[in-house]
Amino acid sequence: MFRTLTIATVAALSIGSAALAADEYNVSTGLTAAGAPLGLHGVDPVAFIATGNPVEGSAAHAAVHDGVAYRFASADNLAAFEADPASYLPENGGFCTFGVSVGKKFDGDPDYAAVIDNKLYVFLNADIFAAFNKDRAGTITKAATNWTDIHSVAVEDL
């Protein structure tokens, strides 16, 4: 009886946690030690915006925001994020900005990203990033418009 209850409880918590973040944030499957799925592939968003390059975060410096775990390279970066998360969250929930511009939610890979006006935009791959670079402003504008309509729509429903 205890084993059945424990398995059911873990399953319910896992489903609830994934459902909370899966529609509005691009997250890993599974949970981190922080109890939430990992956002931005574990890259530190504060360091990324400051340097324009992906900097791997550490589980030792993690914060959960809106059901998503983010990792940071230092305690200072963690503190900066906790003071003002909106300034550091990747745009479009961390989904590929080009994908969002065409009404889809594709994985946003921090290896293909741009920091524009202190905002972090991530992309699916090198080819998509190259397409974005042909019309940055247009893609960002289309993505912003589409994001208001699709941010709460499940990936599989797009």
C-alpha atoms as a PDB file:
ATOM      1  CA  MET A   1       0.000   0.000   0.000  1.00  0.00           C
ATOM      2  CA  PHE A   2       2.780   2.453   0.950  1.00  0.00           C
ATOM      3  CA  ARG A   3       4.712   1.645  -2.238  1.00  0.00           C
ATOM      4  CA  THR A   4       1.611   2.259  -4.390  1.00  0.00           C
ATOM      5  CA  LEU A   5       0.891   5.541  -2.643  1.00  0.00           C
ATOM      6  CA  THR A   6       4.498   6.692  -2.999  1.00  0.00           C
ATOM      7  CA  ILE A   7       4.641   5.841  -6.706  1.00  0.00           C
ATOM      8  CA  ALA A   8       1.312   7.572  -7.294  1.00  0.00           C
ATOM      9  CA  THR A   9       2.468  10.645  -5.386  1.00  0.00           C
ATOM     10  CA  VAL A  10       5.759  10.864  -7.297  1.00  0.00           C
ATOM     11  CA  ALA A  11       3.937  10.403 -10.607  1.00  0.00           C
ATOM     12  CA  ALA A  12       1.412  13.111  -9.756  1.00  0.00           C
ATOM     13  CA  LEU A  13       4.124  15.550  -8.699  1.00  0.00           C
ATOM     14  CA  SER A  14       6.135  14.851 -11.837  1.00  0.00           C
ATOM     15  CA  ILE A  15       3.159  15.363 -14.103  1.00  0.00           C
ATOM     16  CA  GLY A  16       2.140  18.515 -12.254  1.00  0.00           C
ATOM     17  CA  SER A  17       5.608  20.028 -12.402  1.00  0.00           C
ATOM     18  CA  ALA A  18       6.128  19.262 -16.077  1.00  0.00           C
ATOM     19  CA  ALA A  19       2.689  20.531 -17.028  1.00  0.00           C
ATOM     20  CA  LEU A  20       3.284  23.771 -15.151  1.00  0.00           C
ATOM     21  CA  ALA A  21       6.343  24.716 -17.183  1.00  0.00           C
ATOM     22  CA  ALA A  22       6.044  22.785 -20.449  1.00  0.00           C
ATOM     23  CA  ASP A  23       3.599  25.132 -22.143  1.00  0.00           C
ATOM     24  CA  GLU A  24       5.210  28.482 -21.424  1.00  0.00           C
ATOM     25  CA  TYR A  25       8.887  27.608 -20.952  1.00  0.00           C
ATOM     26  CA  ASN A  26      11.347  25.506 -22.897  1.00  0.00           C
ATOM     27  CA  VAL A  27      12.612  23.060 -20.281  1.00  0.00           C
ATOM     28  CA  SER A  28      14.403  19.751 -20.055  1.00  0.00           C
ATOM     29  CA  THR A  29      12.479  16.607 -19.332  1.00  0.00           C
ATOM     30  CA  GLY A  30      12.831  15.408 -15.771  1.00  0.00           C
ATOM     31  CA  LEU A  31      13.450  17.400 -12.645  1.00  0.00           C
ATOM     32  CA  THR A  32      16.578  18.993 -11.212  1.00  0.00           C
ATOM     33  CA  ALA A  33      17.638  18.720  -7.575  1.00  0.00           C
ATOM     34  CA  ALA A  34      15.788  22.022  -7.153  1.00  0.00           C
ATOM     35  CA  GLY A  35      12.554  20.135  -7.900  1.00  0.00           C
ATOM     36  CA  ALA A  36      11.812  21.804 -11.230  1.00  0.00           C
ATOM     37  CA  PRO A  37      12.752  21.153 -14.852  1.00  0.00           C
ATOM     38  CA  LEU A  38      15.899  22.880 -16.114  1.00  0.00           C
ATOM     39  CA  GLY A  39      15.635  25.978 -18.272  1.00  0.00           C
ATOM     40  CA  LEU A  40      18.101  27.386 -20.803  1.00  0.00           C
ATOM     41  CA  HIS A  41      19.993  24.060 -20.946  1.00  0.00           C
ATOM     42  CA  GLY A  42      21.707  24.973 -17.659  1.00  0.00           C
ATOM     43  CA  VAL A  43      23.347  28.099 -19.084  1.00  0.00           C
ATOM     44  CA  ASP A  44      23.589  31.125 -16.780  1.00  0.00           C
ATOM     45  CA  PRO A  45      21.258  33.813 -18.237  1.00  0.00           C
ATOM     46  CA  VAL A  46      22.877  36.634 -16.236  1.00  0.00           C
ATOM     47  CA  ALA A  47      26.371  35.818 -17.492  1.00  0.00           C
ATOM     48  CA  PHE A  48      25.051  35.281 -21.023  1.00  0.00           C
ATOM     49  CA  ILE A  49      23.471  38.725 -21.201  1.00  0.00           C
ATOM     50  CA  ALA A  50      26.581  40.334 -19.677  1.00  0.00           C
ATOM     51  CA  THR A  51      29.089  38.616 -21.990  1.00  0.00           C
ATOM     52  CA  GLY A  52      27.060  37.657 -25.063  1.00  0.00           C
ATOM     53  CA  ASN A  53      28.310  34.084 -24.695  1.00  0.00           C
ATOM     54  CA  PRO A  54      26.914  30.955 -23.071  1.00  0.00           C
ATOM     55  CA  VAL A  55      28.416  30.349 -19.629  1.00  0.00           C
ATOM     56  CA  GLU A  56      27.553  27.062 -17.938  1.00  0.00           C
ATOM     57  CA  GLY A  57      25.738  27.456 -14.642  1.00  0.00           C
ATOM     58  CA  SER A  58      26.205  25.330 -11.551  1.00  0.00           C
ATOM     59  CA  ALA A  59      23.648  23.357  -9.569  1.00  0.00           C
ATOM     60  CA  ALA A  60      25.248  24.940  -6.493  1.00  0.00           C
ATOM     61  CA  HIS A  61      23.825  28.292  -7.624  1.00  0.00           C
ATOM     62  CA  ALA A  62      20.267  27.587  -8.713  1.00  0.00           C
ATOM     63  CA  ALA A  63      16.939  29.366  -8.474  1.00  0.00           C
ATOM     64  CA  VAL A  64      13.435  28.296  -9.395  1.00  0.00           C
ATOM     65  CA  HIS A  65      11.337  30.940 -11.099  1.00  0.00           C
ATOM     66  CA  ASP A  66       7.791  30.260 -12.264  1.00  0.00           C
ATOM     67  CA  GLY A  67       8.345  26.497 -12.033  1.00  0.00           C
ATOM     68  CA  VAL A  68      11.642  26.485 -13.976  1.00  0.00           C
ATOM     69  CA  ALA A  69      15.120  25.934 -12.498  1.00  0.00           C
ATOM     70  CA  TYR A  70      17.919  28.191 -13.715  1.00  0.00           C
ATOM     71  CA  ARG A  71      21.598  27.724 -12.921  1.00  0.00           C
ATOM     72  CA  PHE A  72      24.204  30.418 -12.391  1.00  0.00           C
ATOM     73  CA  ALA A  73      27.982  30.536 -12.549  1.00  0.00           C
ATOM     74  CA  SER A  74      28.270  32.497  -9.310  1.00  0.00           C
ATOM     75  CA  ALA A  75      26.398  33.585  -6.202  1.00  0.00           C
ATOM     76  CA  ASP A  76      26.474  37.168  -7.504  1.00  0.00           C
ATOM     77  CA  ASN A  77      24.707  36.152 -10.720  1.00  0.00           C
ATOM     78  CA  LEU A  78      22.141  34.205  -8.712  1.00  0.00           C
ATOM     79  CA  ALA A  79      21.499  37.281  -6.535  1.00  0.00           C
ATOM     80  CA  ALA A  80      21.123  39.510  -9.610  1.00  0.00           C
ATOM     81  CA  PHE A  81      18.569  37.107 -11.082  1.00  0.00           C
ATOM     82  CA  GLU A  82      16.614  36.804  -7.848  1.00  0.00           C
ATOM     83  CA  ALA A  83      16.470  40.613  -7.574  1.00  0.00           C
ATOM     84  CA  ASP A  84      15.028  41.032 -11.097  1.00  0.00           C
ATOM     85  CA  PRO A  85      14.253  37.777 -12.945  1.00  0.00           C
ATOM     86  CA  ALA A  86      12.388  39.496 -15.795  1.00  0.00           C
ATOM     87  CA  SER A  87      15.608  41.216 -16.871  1.00  0.00           C
ATOM     88  CA  TYR A  88      17.367  37.898 -17.422  1.00  0.00           C
ATOM     89  CA  LEU A  89      14.785  35.388 -18.609  1.00  0.00           C
ATOM     90  CA  PRO A  90      15.233  34.323 -22.233  1.00  0.00           C
ATOM     91  CA  GLU A  91      12.620  35.782 -24.566  1.00  0.00           C
ATOM     92  CA  ASN A  92       9.727  33.621 -25.759  1.00  0.00           C
ATOM     93  CA  GLY A  93      10.025  31.312 -22.780  1.00  0.00           C
ATOM     94  CA  GLY A  94      13.397  30.096 -24.020  1.00  0.00           C
ATOM     95  CA  PHE A  95      11.920  28.636 -27.194  1.00  0.00           C
ATOM     96  CA  CYS A  96      13.514  29.312 -30.576  1.00  0.00           C
ATOM     97  CA  THR A  97      12.626  32.894 -31.504  1.00  0.00           C
ATOM     98  CA  PHE A  98      12.484  32.066 -35.204  1.00  0.00           C
ATOM     99  CA  GLY A  99      10.135  29.149 -34.459  1.00  0.00           C
ATOM    100  CA  VAL A 100       7.876  31.414 -32.411  1.00  0.00           C
ATOM    101  CA  SER A 101       7.883  33.917 -35.292  1.00  0.00           C
ATOM    102  CA  VAL A 102       6.213  31.223 -37.434  1.00  0.00           C
ATOM    103  CA  GLY A 103       3.876  30.051 -34.669  1.00  0.00           C
ATOM    104  CA  LYS A 104       5.878  27.048 -33.390  1.00  0.00           C
ATOM    105  CA  LYS A 105       7.756  26.152 -30.219  1.00  0.00           C
ATOM    106  CA  PHE A 106      11.116  24.645 -31.135  1.00  0.00           C
ATOM    107  CA  ASP A 107      13.967  24.012 -28.727  1.00  0.00           C
ATOM    108  CA  GLY A 108      16.086  27.080 -28.055  1.00  0.00           C
ATOM    109  CA  ASP A 109      19.751  26.099 -27.957  1.00  0.00           C
ATOM    110  CA  PRO A 110      22.004  28.633 -26.166  1.00  0.00           C
ATOM    111  CA  ASP A 111      24.821  27.729 -28.587  1.00  0.00           C
ATOM    112  CA  TYR A 112      22.797  29.668 -31.194  1.00  0.00           C
ATOM    113  CA  ALA A 113      21.745  32.882 -29.521  1.00  0.00           C
ATOM    114  CA  ALA A 114      21.839  36.645 -29.680  1.00  0.00           C
ATOM    115  CA  VAL A 115      21.697  39.343 -27.030  1.00  0.00           C
ATOM    116  CA  ILE A 116      19.888  42.352 -28.472  1.00  0.00           C
ATOM    117  CA  ASP A 117      18.941  45.358 -26.353  1.00  0.00           C
ATOM    118  CA  ASN A 118      19.833  43.344 -23.225  1.00  0.00           C
ATOM    119  CA  LYS A 119      17.396  40.580 -24.158  1.00  0.00           C
ATOM    120  CA  LEU A 120      18.409  36.988 -24.794  1.00  0.00           C
ATOM    121  CA  TYR A 121      17.048  35.245 -27.898  1.00  0.00           C
ATOM    122  CA  VAL A 122      17.824  31.569 -28.544  1.00  0.00           C
ATOM    123  CA  PHE A 123      17.489  29.488 -31.717  1.00  0.00           C
ATOM    124  CA  LEU A 124      17.113  25.880 -32.804  1.00  0.00           C
ATOM    125  CA  ASN A 125      20.342  25.459 -34.773  1.00  0.00           C
ATOM    126  CA  ALA A 126      22.923  27.199 -36.980  1.00  0.00           C
ATOM    127  CA  ASP A 127      20.696  27.285 -40.076  1.00  0.00           C
ATOM    128  CA  ILE A 128      17.788  28.850 -38.197  1.00  0.00           C
ATOM    129  CA  PHE A 129      20.150  31.337 -36.543  1.00  0.00           C
ATOM    130  CA  ALA A 130      21.457  32.309 -39.993  1.00  0.00           C
ATOM    131  CA  ALA A 131      17.867  32.839 -41.198  1.00  0.00           C
ATOM    132  CA  PHE A 132      17.212  35.045 -38.155  1.00  0.00           C
ATOM    133  CA  ASN A 133      20.288  37.144 -38.948  1.00  0.00           C
ATOM    134  CA  LYS A 134      18.801  38.027 -42.363  1.00  0.00           C
ATOM    135  CA  ASP A 135      15.884  39.858 -40.688  1.00  0.00           C
ATOM    136  CA  ARG A 136      16.495  40.254 -36.977  1.00  0.00           C
ATOM    137  CA  ALA A 137      13.991  43.049 -36.326  1.00  0.00           C
ATOM    138  CA  GLY A 138      11.252  41.420 -38.402  1.00  0.00           C
ATOM    139  CA  THR A 139      11.707  38.048 -36.726  1.00  0.00           C
ATOM    140  CA  ILE A 140      11.684  39.574 -33.235  1.00  0.00           C
ATOM    141  CA  THR A 141       8.532  41.577 -34.022  1.00  0.00           C
ATOM    142  CA  LYS A 142       6.706  38.534 -35.443  1.00  0.00           C
ATOM    143  CA  ALA A 143       7.785  36.420 -32.480  1.00  0.00           C
ATOM    144  CA  ALA A 144       6.559  39.022 -29.975  1.00  0.00           C
ATOM    145  CA  THR A 145       3.182  39.144 -31.713  1.00  0.00           C
ATOM    146  CA  ASN A 146       2.857  35.357 -31.934  1.00  0.00           C
ATOM    147  CA  TRP A 147       4.065  34.761 -28.378  1.00  0.00           C
ATOM    148  CA  THR A 148       0.983  36.477 -26.951  1.00  0.00           C
ATOM    149  CA  ASP A 149      -1.173  33.918 -28.778  1.00  0.00           C
ATOM    150  CA  ILE A 150       0.881  30.747 -28.273  1.00  0.00           C
ATOM    151  CA  HIS A 151       2.641  31.142 -24.916  1.00  0.00           C
ATOM    152  CA  SER A 152       0.125  28.914 -23.114  1.00  0.00           C
ATOM    153  CA  VAL A 153      -0.475  26.490 -25.989  1.00  0.00           C
ATOM    154  CA  ALA A 154       1.115  23.062 -25.605  1.00  0.00           C
ATOM    155  CA  VAL A 155       3.945  22.330 -28.026  1.00  0.00           C
ATOM    156  CA  GLU A 156       2.118  19.375 -29.543  1.00  0.00           C
ATOM    157  CA  ASP A 157      -0.927  21.529 -30.291  1.00  0.00           C
ATOM    158  CA  LEU A 158       0.945  23.948 -32.558  1.00  0.00           C
END
